[in-house]
C-alpha atoms as a PDB file:
ATOM      1  CA  MET A   1      23.463  75.021-146.881  1.00  0.00           C
ATOM      2  CA  SER A   2      23.416  72.194-144.410  1.00  0.00           C
ATOM      3  CA  THR A   3      20.250  70.832-142.964  1.00  0.00           C
ATOM      4  CA  GLN A   4      21.319  71.635-139.414  1.00  0.00           C
ATOM      5  CA  ASN A   5      21.268  75.499-140.332  1.00  0.00           C
ATOM      6  CA  LEU A   6      17.603  75.056-141.467  1.00  0.00           C
ATOM      7  CA  THR A   7      16.371  73.699-138.321  1.00  0.00           C
ATOM      8  CA  GLY A   8      12.958  75.325-137.412  1.00  0.00           C
ATOM      9  CA  GLU A   9      13.350  77.808-140.323  1.00  0.00           C
ATOM     10  CA  ALA A  10       9.631  78.312-142.082  1.00  0.00           C
ATOM     11  CA  TRP A  11       8.777  79.527-145.507  1.00  0.00           C
ATOM     12  CA  ASN A  12       5.663  79.331-147.772  1.00  0.00           C
ATOM     13  CA  CYS A  13       4.961  76.386-149.961  1.00  0.00           C
ATOM     14  CA  PRO A  14       5.454  77.645-153.458  1.00  0.00           C
ATOM     15  CA  HIS A  15       2.556  75.340-154.462  1.00  0.00           C
ATOM     16  CA  CYS A  16      -0.259  76.093-151.940  1.00  0.00           C
ATOM     17  CA  GLY A  17       0.935  79.024-150.109  1.00  0.00           C
ATOM     18  CA  GLU A  18       0.997  77.279-146.509  1.00  0.00           C
ATOM     19  CA  ARG A  19       3.462  78.130-144.066  1.00  0.00           C
ATOM     20  CA  ILE A  20       5.822  74.931-143.660  1.00  0.00           C
ATOM     21  CA  LEU A  21       9.520  74.115-142.650  1.00  0.00           C
ATOM     22  CA  ARG A  22      12.126  75.131-145.070  1.00  0.00           C
ATOM     23  CA  SER A  23      13.842  71.416-144.501  1.00  0.00           C
ATOM     24  CA  ALA A  24      10.546  69.920-145.961  1.00  0.00           C
ATOM     25  CA  ILE A  25      10.854  67.629-149.083  1.00  0.00           C
ATOM     26  CA  ILE A  26       7.306  67.206-149.338  1.00  0.00           C
ATOM     27  CA  CYS A  27       4.682  69.911-148.435  1.00  0.00           C
ATOM     28  CA  PRO A  28       2.441  68.481-145.669  1.00  0.00           C
ATOM     29  CA  ALA A  29      -0.419  70.429-146.702  1.00  0.00           C
ATOM     30  CA  CYS A  30      -0.464  69.915-150.548  1.00  0.00           C
ATOM     31  CA  GLN A  31       1.690  66.864-150.722  1.00  0.00           C
ATOM     32  CA  ARG A  32       3.944  68.019-153.802  1.00  0.00           C
ATOM     33  CA  HIS A  33       7.422  67.709-153.945  1.00  0.00           C
ATOM     34  CA  LEU A  34       9.530  70.864-153.130  1.00  0.00           C
ATOM     35  CA  ARG A  35      13.280  70.052-153.369  1.00  0.00           C
ATOM     36  CA  LEU A  36      15.602  68.754-156.005  1.00  0.00           C
ATOM     37  CA  ASP A  37      18.112  67.443-153.617  1.00  0.00           C
ATOM     38  CA  ALA A  38      15.338  65.284-151.928  1.00  0.00           C
ATOM     39  CA  LEU A  39      17.637  62.067-152.006  1.00  0.00           C
ATOM     40  CA  THR A  40      20.427  63.956-150.279  1.00  0.00           C
ATOM     41  CA  LEU A  41      18.213  65.470-147.407  1.00  0.00           C
ATOM     42  CA  GLU A  42      16.236  62.229-146.933  1.00  0.00           C
ATOM     43  CA  ARG A  43      19.518  60.671-146.016  1.00  0.00           C
ATOM     44  CA  SER A  44      20.289  62.812-143.439  1.00  0.00           C
ATOM     45  CA  PHE A  45      16.870  62.080-141.378  1.00  0.00           C
ATOM     46  CA  GLY A  46      15.933  58.783-140.075  1.00  0.00           C
ATOM     47  CA  ALA A  47      12.343  59.017-139.904  1.00  0.00           C
ATOM     48  CA  THR A  48       9.177  60.930-139.247  1.00  0.00           C
ATOM     49  CA  VAL A  49       7.747  59.975-136.145  1.00  0.00           C
ATOM     50  CA  CYS A  50       4.352  60.885-134.680  1.00  0.00           C
ATOM     51  CA  PRO A  51       4.590  61.800-130.795  1.00  0.00           C
ATOM     52  CA  LEU A  52       1.075  63.260-130.757  1.00  0.00           C
ATOM     53  CA  SER A  53      -1.995  62.144-132.240  1.00  0.00           C
ATOM     54  CA  VAL A  54      -5.641  62.994-131.311  1.00  0.00           C
ATOM     55  CA  ASP A  55      -8.841  62.052-132.983  1.00  0.00           C
ATOM     56  CA  GLY A  56     -12.212  63.413-132.065  1.00  0.00           C
ATOM     57  CA  THR A  57     -15.970  63.668-133.306  1.00  0.00           C
ATOM     58  CA  ILE A  58     -18.471  66.341-132.767  1.00  0.00           C
ATOM     59  CA  ARG A  59     -22.072  65.229-133.741  1.00  0.00           C
ATOM     60  CA  HIS A  60     -25.034  67.712-133.602  1.00  0.00           C
ATOM     61  CA  PRO A  61     -27.686  65.919-131.426  1.00  0.00           C
ATOM     62  CA  GLY A  62     -30.301  67.178-134.115  1.00  0.00           C
ATOM     63  CA  THR A  63     -32.582  68.791-131.096  1.00  0.00           C
ATOM     64  CA  GLU A  64     -31.395  72.309-131.616  1.00  0.00           C
ATOM     65  CA  ALA A  65     -30.736  74.935-134.187  1.00  0.00           C
ATOM     66  CA  PRO A  66     -27.630  74.396-136.563  1.00  0.00           C
ATOM     67  CA  TRP A  67     -24.244  74.967-134.946  1.00  0.00           C
ATOM     68  CA  GLU A  68     -20.884  76.802-136.203  1.00  0.00           C
ATOM     69  CA  TYR A  69     -17.483  75.568-135.331  1.00  0.00           C
ATOM     70  CA  SER A  70     -13.988  76.830-135.174  1.00  0.00           C
ATOM     71  CA  VAL A  71     -10.951  74.571-135.356  1.00  0.00           C
ATOM     72  CA  LEU A  72      -8.140  76.640-133.625  1.00  0.00           C
ATOM     73  CA  VAL A  73      -4.518  75.327-132.867  1.00  0.00           C
ATOM     74  CA  GLU A  74      -2.302  76.846-130.425  1.00  0.00           C
ATOM     75  CA  VAL A  75       1.480  76.032-129.928  1.00  0.00           C
ATOM     76  CA  HIS A  76       3.352  77.011-126.699  1.00  0.00           C
ATOM     77  CA  ASP A  77       6.810  76.902-125.384  1.00  0.00           C
ATOM     78  CA  GLU A  78       8.119  75.151-122.212  1.00  0.00           C
ATOM     79  CA  ARG A  79       7.258  78.747-120.239  1.00  0.00           C
ATOM     80  CA  GLY A  80       3.759  78.317-121.490  1.00  0.00           C
ATOM     81  CA  GLU A  81       4.410  81.583-123.952  1.00  0.00           C
ATOM     82  CA  MET A  82       2.119  81.394-127.019  1.00  0.00           C
ATOM     83  CA  LEU A  83       4.345  80.653-130.201  1.00  0.00           C
ATOM     84  CA  THR A  84       1.609  80.630-132.611  1.00  0.00           C
ATOM     85  CA  ARG A  85      -2.156  80.564-132.852  1.00  0.00           C
ATOM     86  CA  ARG A  86      -3.939  79.736-136.102  1.00  0.00           C
ATOM     87  CA  MET A  87      -7.406  79.219-137.172  1.00  0.00           C
ATOM     88  CA  VAL A  88      -7.177  76.021-139.404  1.00  0.00           C
ATOM     89  CA  GLY A  89     -11.088  75.590-140.330  1.00  0.00           C
ATOM     90  CA  VAL A  90     -14.628  76.831-139.617  1.00  0.00           C
ATOM     91  CA  GLY A  91     -17.818  75.278-140.599  1.00  0.00           C
ATOM     92  CA  GLY A  92     -21.403  74.593-139.630  1.00  0.00           C
ATOM     93  CA  LEU A  93     -23.240  71.628-138.542  1.00  0.00           C
ATOM     94  CA  ARG A  94     -26.922  71.017-139.250  1.00  0.00           C
ATOM     95  CA  PRO A  95     -29.190  68.537-136.904  1.00  0.00           C
ATOM     96  CA  GLY A  96     -27.705  65.154-137.589  1.00  0.00           C
ATOM     97  CA  GLU A  97     -24.492  65.980-139.183  1.00  0.00           C
ATOM     98  CA  THR A  98     -21.011  64.976-137.692  1.00  0.00           C
ATOM     99  CA  ARG A  99     -17.648  66.039-138.098  1.00  0.00           C
ATOM    100  CA  LYS A 100     -14.257  64.132-137.450  1.00  0.00           C
ATOM    101  CA  PHE A 101     -11.143  66.020-136.693  1.00  0.00           C
ATOM    102  CA  THR A 102      -7.622  64.856-136.312  1.00  0.00           C
ATOM    103  CA  LEU A 103      -4.530  66.685-134.858  1.00  0.00           C
ATOM    104  CA  ARG A 104      -1.200  65.167-135.520  1.00  0.00           C
ATOM    105  CA  VAL A 105       2.231  66.327-134.585  1.00  0.00           C
ATOM    106  CA  GLU A 106       4.903  64.986-136.926  1.00  0.00           C
ATOM    107  CA  VAL A 107       8.378  65.255-135.975  1.00  0.00           C
ATOM    108  CA  LEU A 108      11.430  64.598-138.321  1.00  0.00           C
ATOM    109  CA  VAL A 109      14.293  62.817-136.328  1.00  0.00           C
ATOM    110  CA  PRO A 110      17.836  62.878-137.309  1.00  0.00           C
ATOM    111  CA  GLU A 111      19.436  59.219-138.339  1.00  0.00           C
ATOM    112  CA  LYS A 112      21.362  59.235-135.089  1.00  0.00           C
ATOM    113  CA  SER A 113      18.412  59.856-132.693  1.00  0.00           C
ATOM    114  CA  THR A 114      17.338  56.772-130.918  1.00  0.00           C
ATOM    115  CA  LEU A 115      13.777  57.852-131.774  1.00  0.00           C
ATOM    116  CA  ALA A 116      14.767  57.124-135.493  1.00  0.00           C
ATOM    117  CA  VAL A 117      16.223  53.926-134.605  1.00  0.00           C
ATOM    118  CA  ASN A 118      13.195  52.949-132.754  1.00  0.00           C
ATOM    119  CA  SER A 119      10.472  54.153-134.832  1.00  0.00           C
END
């Protein structure tokens, strides 16, 4: 099966169960290898680029009761319609505690793309 036929197709990682792209060579969640044909597939893609990366920090000021937080990710298409909505983490913050969050969107770019050449 060619890589083009797999574009955008998802499945569950056999190691950790996270929903990932079928074309992935390494699971982005658990970092374990997935494919025996990894060398062949790596040659058909030029690079992974990160067109979006957002870092943020929340800190409990210490003057209030403990807080609870939920980390939610939504993906929308060009018409604004929601494609997916996932809760990716929850937790609590006691007075004085801090949490740092990073959101990254990584794109696997074909070799022939100008993004792959310029990355």
